């Protein structure tokens, strides 16, 4: 980009006194690609995909290059030919406008680059939202075991309460070896909170829907007992049942145990199936801005009484 103190020297070498080293010399003419070239290449890659872009990007790099003059003595860039794109002959120029009491002066190059950047970010966001989760790299692997265990939630707690696995390393290893990524459970629980992340980047971490669950018996009076997460495909398939859940709703679920949890991290299960039941218990609002159930302000007020 030509700054206000850079020189417009045409497209041929010029005799000039260098503003950097003060030598009188003949400038060297060369070409470079700037940020506009790279933004344009990335935009083409997003729109056309890899194979067509392999053919288009070299052409783009040629037609969007900028002619520059360098000092022959110190090799500093001292000016250009006054064009945004040398090959296309698009001349750079100053553009000014007012915003209220403020005047803004921009070059044509900055305006073009900004518009290209906005367009690129828009296309990138569209591709992210529309791309199926299956096309993205797994943040954590979804291994689906086929062993449904008969252990109840109570059986599980007898071996794998947070207190037991921290008091005894052997218990921790037993719980990992028996449950994690190896078994499917069919249990019942109560909804504390449901989060829908299908319009956010969380869906690419296989967390399109999060359900915080209170179990019976509960391990903690105040905290959820486990977290159910559903990827995009499962969330879409089970959307009708998930939409029925309210705070306190009883439901049955089939899920894979992914984490036994600890005092900092909740137990994590990957949801395979869910069915709302008729049961219900009273559960106070669980504070979280993204909760479907809201009541965050009310909960804060009650917690400070």
Protein backbone atom coordinates (compact mmCIF):
# COMPACT_ATOMS: atom_id res chain seq x y z
CA UNK A 1 0.00 0.00 0.00
CA UNK A 2 1.32 3.43 -0.90
CA UNK A 3 1.49 5.60 2.16
CA UNK A 4 1.08 9.34 1.94
CA UNK A 5 4.85 9.86 2.01
CA UNK A 6 5.64 7.22 -0.64
CA UNK A 7 6.36 8.28 -4.19
CA UNK A 8 4.51 7.57 -7.42
CA UNK A 9 7.38 6.73 -9.79
CA UNK A 10 5.71 5.00 -12.73
CA UNK A 11 6.66 1.58 -13.99
CA UNK A 12 10.26 2.26 -15.07
CA UNK A 13 13.43 2.68 -12.94
CA UNK A 14 13.92 6.28 -11.80
CA UNK A 15 16.85 8.39 -10.67
CA UNK A 16 15.98 9.39 -7.12
CA UNK A 17 17.47 10.42 -3.80
CA UNK A 18 16.56 7.73 -1.30
CA UNK A 19 14.63 9.09 1.72
CA UNK A 20 16.11 6.29 3.85
CA UNK A 21 19.83 6.29 3.10
CA UNK A 22 20.07 9.67 1.27
CA UNK A 23 21.98 8.11 -1.65
CA UNK A 24 21.27 9.30 -5.17
CA UNK A 25 20.58 6.15 -7.12
CA UNK A 26 18.46 4.53 -9.77
CA UNK A 27 15.53 2.63 -8.27
CA UNK A 28 15.03 -1.07 -8.82
CA UNK A 29 11.59 -2.12 -10.10
CA UNK A 30 10.10 -5.32 -8.71
CA UNK A 31 6.72 -6.82 -7.86
CA UNK A 32 5.12 -8.06 -4.65
CA UNK A 33 1.83 -9.46 -3.44
CA UNK A 34 0.08 -7.75 -0.56
CA UNK A 35 -2.76 -8.60 1.79
CA UNK A 36 -5.35 -8.12 -0.97
CA UNK A 37 -3.76 -10.97 -2.93
CA UNK A 38 -3.86 -13.32 0.03
CA UNK A 39 -7.42 -12.42 1.03
CA UNK A 40 -8.56 -12.98 -2.56
CA UNK A 41 -6.82 -16.37 -2.73
CA UNK A 42 -8.45 -17.46 0.53
CA UNK A 43 -11.84 -16.30 -0.75
CA UNK A 44 -11.39 -18.30 -3.96
CA UNK A 45 -10.43 -21.36 -1.90
CA UNK A 46 -13.60 -21.02 0.19
CA UNK A 47 -15.86 -20.58 -2.82
CA UNK A 48 -14.41 -23.02 -5.36
CA UNK A 49 -12.68 -25.62 -3.20
CA UNK A 50 -9.18 -27.05 -3.37
CA UNK A 51 -8.79 -28.41 -6.91
CA UNK A 52 -10.12 -25.42 -8.89
CA UNK A 53 -8.19 -23.10 -6.57
CA UNK A 54 -4.92 -24.78 -7.49
CA UNK A 55 -5.47 -23.44 -10.99
CA UNK A 56 -6.93 -20.05 -10.04
CA UNK A 57 -4.57 -18.96 -7.25
CA UNK A 58 -1.44 -18.64 -9.44
CA UNK A 59 -3.39 -16.42 -11.83
CA UNK A 60 -4.72 -14.32 -8.95
CA UNK A 61 -1.23 -13.88 -7.53
CA UNK A 62 -0.07 -12.53 -10.90
CA UNK A 63 -2.93 -10.14 -11.64
CA UNK A 64 -3.12 -8.71 -8.10
CA UNK A 65 0.60 -8.04 -7.67
CA UNK A 66 1.85 -4.53 -7.05
CA UNK A 67 4.79 -2.80 -8.70
CA UNK A 68 7.23 -1.25 -6.27
CA UNK A 69 10.45 0.75 -6.50
CA UNK A 70 13.31 -0.09 -4.17
CA UNK A 71 16.49 1.80 -3.45
CA UNK A 72 19.45 0.12 -5.16
CA UNK A 73 21.70 1.03 -2.23
CA UNK A 74 19.69 0.11 0.89
CA UNK A 75 16.94 -2.01 -0.70
CA UNK A 76 14.19 -0.09 1.11
CA UNK A 77 10.83 0.31 -0.61
CA UNK A 78 10.52 3.92 -1.71
CA UNK A 79 7.48 4.06 -3.96
CA UNK A 80 5.32 2.45 -6.61
CA UNK A 81 3.47 3.07 -9.82
CA UNK A 82 0.33 4.42 -8.15
CA UNK A 83 -1.82 1.42 -8.99
CA UNK A 84 -3.63 -1.04 -6.74
CA UNK A 85 -3.03 -3.88 -9.22
CA UNK A 86 -0.28 -3.28 -11.75
CA UNK A 87 -1.47 -5.81 -14.34
CA UNK A 88 -5.10 -4.69 -14.17
CA UNK A 89 -4.17 -1.02 -14.27
CA UNK A 90 -6.44 -0.15 -11.33
CA UNK A 91 -5.16 3.20 -10.09
CA UNK A 92 -4.95 3.95 -6.39
CA UNK A 93 -6.44 7.20 -5.18
CA UNK A 94 -7.51 8.96 -2.01
CA UNK A 95 -11.17 8.80 -0.99
CA UNK A 96 -12.64 11.03 1.70
CA UNK A 97 -15.98 11.25 3.46
CA UNK A 98 -17.40 12.64 6.69
CA UNK A 99 -18.93 10.86 9.66
CA UNK A 100 -20.59 13.58 11.71
CA UNK A 101 -17.87 16.04 12.59
CA UNK A 102 -15.07 13.67 11.62
CA UNK A 103 -13.46 13.43 8.21
CA UNK A 104 -12.16 10.07 7.03
CA UNK A 105 -9.54 9.68 4.30
CA UNK A 106 -8.92 6.26 2.78
CA UNK A 107 -7.11 4.93 -0.22
CA UNK A 108 -8.87 2.86 -2.82
CA UNK A 109 -6.63 -0.06 -1.85
CA UNK A 110 -7.84 0.00 1.76
CA UNK A 111 -11.48 0.11 0.64
CA UNK A 112 -11.01 -2.84 -1.74
CA UNK A 113 -9.14 -4.83 0.90
CA UNK A 114 -11.80 -4.14 3.55
CA UNK A 115 -14.64 -5.18 1.24
CA UNK A 116 -12.79 -8.36 0.28
CA UNK A 117 -12.15 -9.15 3.95
CA UNK A 118 -15.81 -8.66 4.87
CA UNK A 119 -16.89 -10.86 1.95
CA UNK A 120 -14.35 -13.54 2.94
CA UNK A 121 -15.50 -13.60 6.56
CA UNK A 122 -19.11 -13.84 5.40
CA UNK A 123 -18.38 -16.79 3.10
CA UNK A 124 -16.29 -18.46 5.82
CA UNK A 125 -19.10 -18.13 8.36
CA UNK A 126 -21.62 -19.50 5.86
CA UNK A 127 -19.41 -22.49 5.14
CA UNK A 128 -18.92 -23.17 8.84
CA UNK A 129 -22.66 -23.05 9.57
CA UNK A 130 -23.63 -25.21 6.58
CA UNK A 131 -20.84 -27.80 6.76
CA UNK A 132 -21.93 -31.10 8.34
CA UNK A 133 -20.13 -32.05 11.51
CA UNK A 134 -18.97 -35.28 9.87
CA UNK A 135 -16.73 -33.29 7.50
CA UNK A 136 -14.80 -31.69 10.32
CA UNK A 137 -11.91 -33.17 12.24
CA UNK A 138 -13.14 -34.89 15.37
CA UNK A 139 -12.23 -32.89 18.42
CA UNK A 140 -12.66 -36.10 20.34
CA UNK A 141 -13.31 -39.47 18.76
CA UNK A 142 -16.80 -40.93 18.70
CA UNK A 143 -16.23 -44.60 19.30
CA UNK A 144 -19.58 -46.37 19.59
CA UNK A 145 -19.41 -49.55 21.67
CA UNK A 146 -22.14 -52.15 21.31
CA UNK A 147 -22.17 -53.45 24.90
CA UNK A 148 -25.18 -52.29 26.90
CA UNK A 149 -24.47 -52.92 30.57
CA UNK A 150 -27.02 -53.81 33.22
CA UNK A 151 -25.40 -51.62 35.87
CA UNK A 152 -27.82 -49.06 37.27
CA UNK A 153 -26.88 -45.55 38.28
CA UNK A 154 -26.76 -46.79 41.88
CA UNK A 155 -24.37 -49.59 40.87
CA UNK A 156 -22.20 -47.04 39.13
CA UNK A 157 -22.10 -44.76 42.16
CA UNK A 158 -21.05 -47.62 44.43
CA UNK A 159 -17.82 -47.92 42.44
CA UNK A 160 -17.25 -44.51 40.89
CA UNK A 161 -18.29 -41.64 43.14
CA UNK A 162 -15.92 -38.71 42.86
CA UNK A 163 -14.85 -39.26 46.44
CA UNK A 164 -13.96 -42.92 45.87
CA UNK A 165 -11.98 -42.44 42.67
CA UNK A 166 -9.89 -39.72 44.30
CA UNK A 167 -9.27 -41.64 47.50
CA UNK A 168 -8.17 -44.76 45.70
CA UNK A 169 -6.23 -44.78 42.42
CA UNK A 170 -7.15 -48.44 41.88
CA UNK A 171 -10.85 -47.54 41.97
CA UNK A 172 -10.19 -44.87 39.40
CA UNK A 173 -8.48 -47.34 37.07
CA UNK A 174 -11.27 -49.88 37.53
CA UNK A 175 -13.90 -47.28 36.60
CA UNK A 176 -11.94 -46.20 33.52
CA UNK A 177 -11.40 -49.74 32.34
CA UNK A 178 -14.98 -50.85 32.91
CA UNK A 179 -16.95 -47.84 31.72
CA UNK A 180 -15.13 -45.28 29.61
CA UNK A 181 -15.82 -45.71 25.86
CA UNK A 182 -16.70 -49.38 26.42
CA UNK A 183 -20.30 -49.45 27.56
CA UNK A 184 -23.75 -48.10 26.82
CA UNK A 185 -26.10 -47.29 29.70
CA UNK A 186 -29.90 -47.08 29.82
CA UNK A 187 -30.77 -44.84 32.74
CA UNK A 188 -33.33 -42.27 33.87
CA UNK A 189 -32.73 -38.74 35.05
CA UNK A 190 -34.22 -35.25 35.38
CA UNK A 191 -33.43 -32.25 33.19
CA UNK A 192 -31.70 -29.37 34.93
CA UNK A 193 -30.87 -27.37 31.83
CA UNK A 194 -30.95 -27.81 28.06
CA UNK A 195 -28.62 -25.83 25.79
CA UNK A 196 -28.99 -25.71 22.02
CA UNK A 197 -25.63 -24.91 20.39
CA UNK A 198 -26.61 -25.81 16.83
CA UNK A 199 -26.11 -22.24 15.64
CA UNK A 200 -22.73 -21.84 17.34
CA UNK A 201 -19.22 -23.18 16.78
CA UNK A 202 -19.73 -25.60 19.68
CA UNK A 203 -21.54 -27.93 17.30
CA UNK A 204 -18.21 -28.77 15.68
CA UNK A 205 -17.00 -30.13 19.00
CA UNK A 206 -19.92 -32.60 18.90
CA UNK A 207 -21.83 -30.51 21.44
CA UNK A 208 -24.85 -29.42 19.41
CA UNK A 209 -27.07 -30.02 22.43
CA UNK A 210 -26.04 -30.12 26.09
CA UNK A 211 -28.33 -31.50 28.81
CA UNK A 212 -27.41 -31.18 32.47
CA UNK A 213 -28.95 -34.05 34.43
CA UNK A 214 -29.96 -34.65 38.04
CA UNK A 215 -29.96 -38.35 38.89
CA UNK A 216 -31.80 -40.30 41.63
CA UNK A 217 -30.12 -40.70 44.02
CA UNK A 218 -28.21 -37.48 43.46
CA UNK A 219 -24.54 -37.41 44.33
CA UNK A 220 -24.66 -33.66 44.98
CA UNK A 221 -27.47 -31.51 46.30
CA UNK A 222 -26.44 -28.43 44.36
CA UNK A 223 -24.58 -29.65 41.26
CA UNK A 224 -25.59 -31.70 38.19
CA UNK A 225 -24.68 -35.37 38.30
CA UNK A 226 -23.78 -35.67 34.63
CA UNK A 227 -23.74 -33.94 31.27
CA UNK A 228 -25.34 -35.43 28.15
CA UNK A 229 -24.04 -34.08 24.83
CA UNK A 230 -25.42 -34.76 21.36
CA UNK A 231 -23.70 -34.20 18.03
CA UNK A 232 -25.51 -32.55 15.12
CA UNK A 233 -26.90 -35.75 13.64
CA UNK A 234 -28.21 -37.11 16.95
CA UNK A 235 -29.58 -33.70 17.95
CA UNK A 236 -31.56 -33.49 14.71
CA UNK A 237 -32.83 -37.06 15.03
CA UNK A 238 -33.97 -36.57 18.64
CA UNK A 239 -35.09 -32.95 18.34
CA UNK A 240 -38.78 -33.71 18.98
CA UNK A 241 -38.04 -35.47 22.29
CA UNK A 242 -35.44 -32.91 23.37
CA UNK A 243 -37.91 -30.07 22.74
CA UNK A 244 -40.36 -31.67 25.19
CA UNK A 245 -37.94 -31.38 28.09
CA UNK A 246 -38.58 -28.73 30.72
CA UNK A 247 -36.68 -28.08 33.90
CA UNK A 248 -37.48 -31.00 36.19
CA UNK A 249 -38.76 -33.30 33.42
CA UNK A 250 -38.00 -36.99 33.89
CA UNK A 251 -36.58 -38.79 30.87
CA UNK A 252 -34.87 -42.02 29.96
CA UNK A 253 -31.66 -41.94 27.97
CA UNK A 254 -29.22 -44.24 26.23
CA UNK A 255 -25.66 -42.94 26.24
CA UNK A 256 -21.97 -43.79 26.11
CA UNK A 257 -19.88 -42.94 29.16
CA UNK A 258 -17.04 -40.68 28.04
CA UNK A 259 -15.72 -39.37 31.35
CA UNK A 260 -16.07 -40.39 35.00
CA UNK A 261 -15.59 -36.76 36.02
CA UNK A 262 -13.76 -35.17 38.93
CA UNK A 263 -14.18 -32.21 41.25
CA UNK A 264 -13.52 -29.75 38.42
CA UNK A 265 -15.17 -31.57 35.50
CA UNK A 266 -18.64 -33.03 35.26
CA UNK A 267 -19.26 -36.62 34.09
CA UNK A 268 -19.63 -36.58 30.33
CA UNK A 269 -21.92 -38.91 28.34
CA UNK A 270 -22.59 -39.00 24.59
CA UNK A 271 -26.31 -39.22 23.92
CA UNK A 272 -27.66 -41.94 21.63
CA UNK A 273 -31.37 -41.85 22.44
CA UNK A 274 -33.77 -40.01 24.73
CA UNK A 275 -37.45 -40.32 25.67
CA UNK A 276 -39.41 -37.92 27.84
CA UNK A 277 -41.33 -39.60 30.68
CA UNK A 278 -44.25 -38.44 32.81
CA UNK A 279 -42.28 -37.90 36.02
CA UNK A 280 -41.32 -34.48 37.33
CA UNK A 281 -39.37 -32.99 40.25
CA UNK A 282 -38.85 -29.42 41.39
CA UNK A 283 -35.41 -28.14 40.35
CA UNK A 284 -34.37 -24.52 41.01
CA UNK A 285 -33.03 -22.54 38.05
CA UNK A 286 -29.44 -23.44 37.22
CA UNK A 287 -27.57 -20.20 36.61
CA UNK A 288 -26.37 -19.93 33.03
CA UNK A 289 -26.91 -17.28 30.37
CA UNK A 290 -27.49 -19.78 27.57
CA UNK A 291 -30.07 -21.81 29.46
CA UNK A 292 -33.27 -22.50 27.61
CA UNK A 293 -35.13 -21.91 30.87
CA UNK A 294 -33.68 -18.49 31.65
CA UNK A 295 -34.50 -17.09 35.11
CA UNK A 296 -30.85 -16.15 35.61
CA UNK A 297 -31.67 -12.77 37.14
CA UNK A 298 -34.31 -14.28 39.41
CA UNK A 299 -31.85 -16.96 40.51
CA UNK A 300 -29.21 -14.33 41.27
CA UNK A 301 -31.67 -12.34 43.34
CA UNK A 302 -32.70 -15.40 45.33
CA UNK A 303 -29.07 -16.46 45.88
CA UNK A 304 -28.22 -13.11 47.48
CA UNK A 305 -31.16 -13.10 49.93
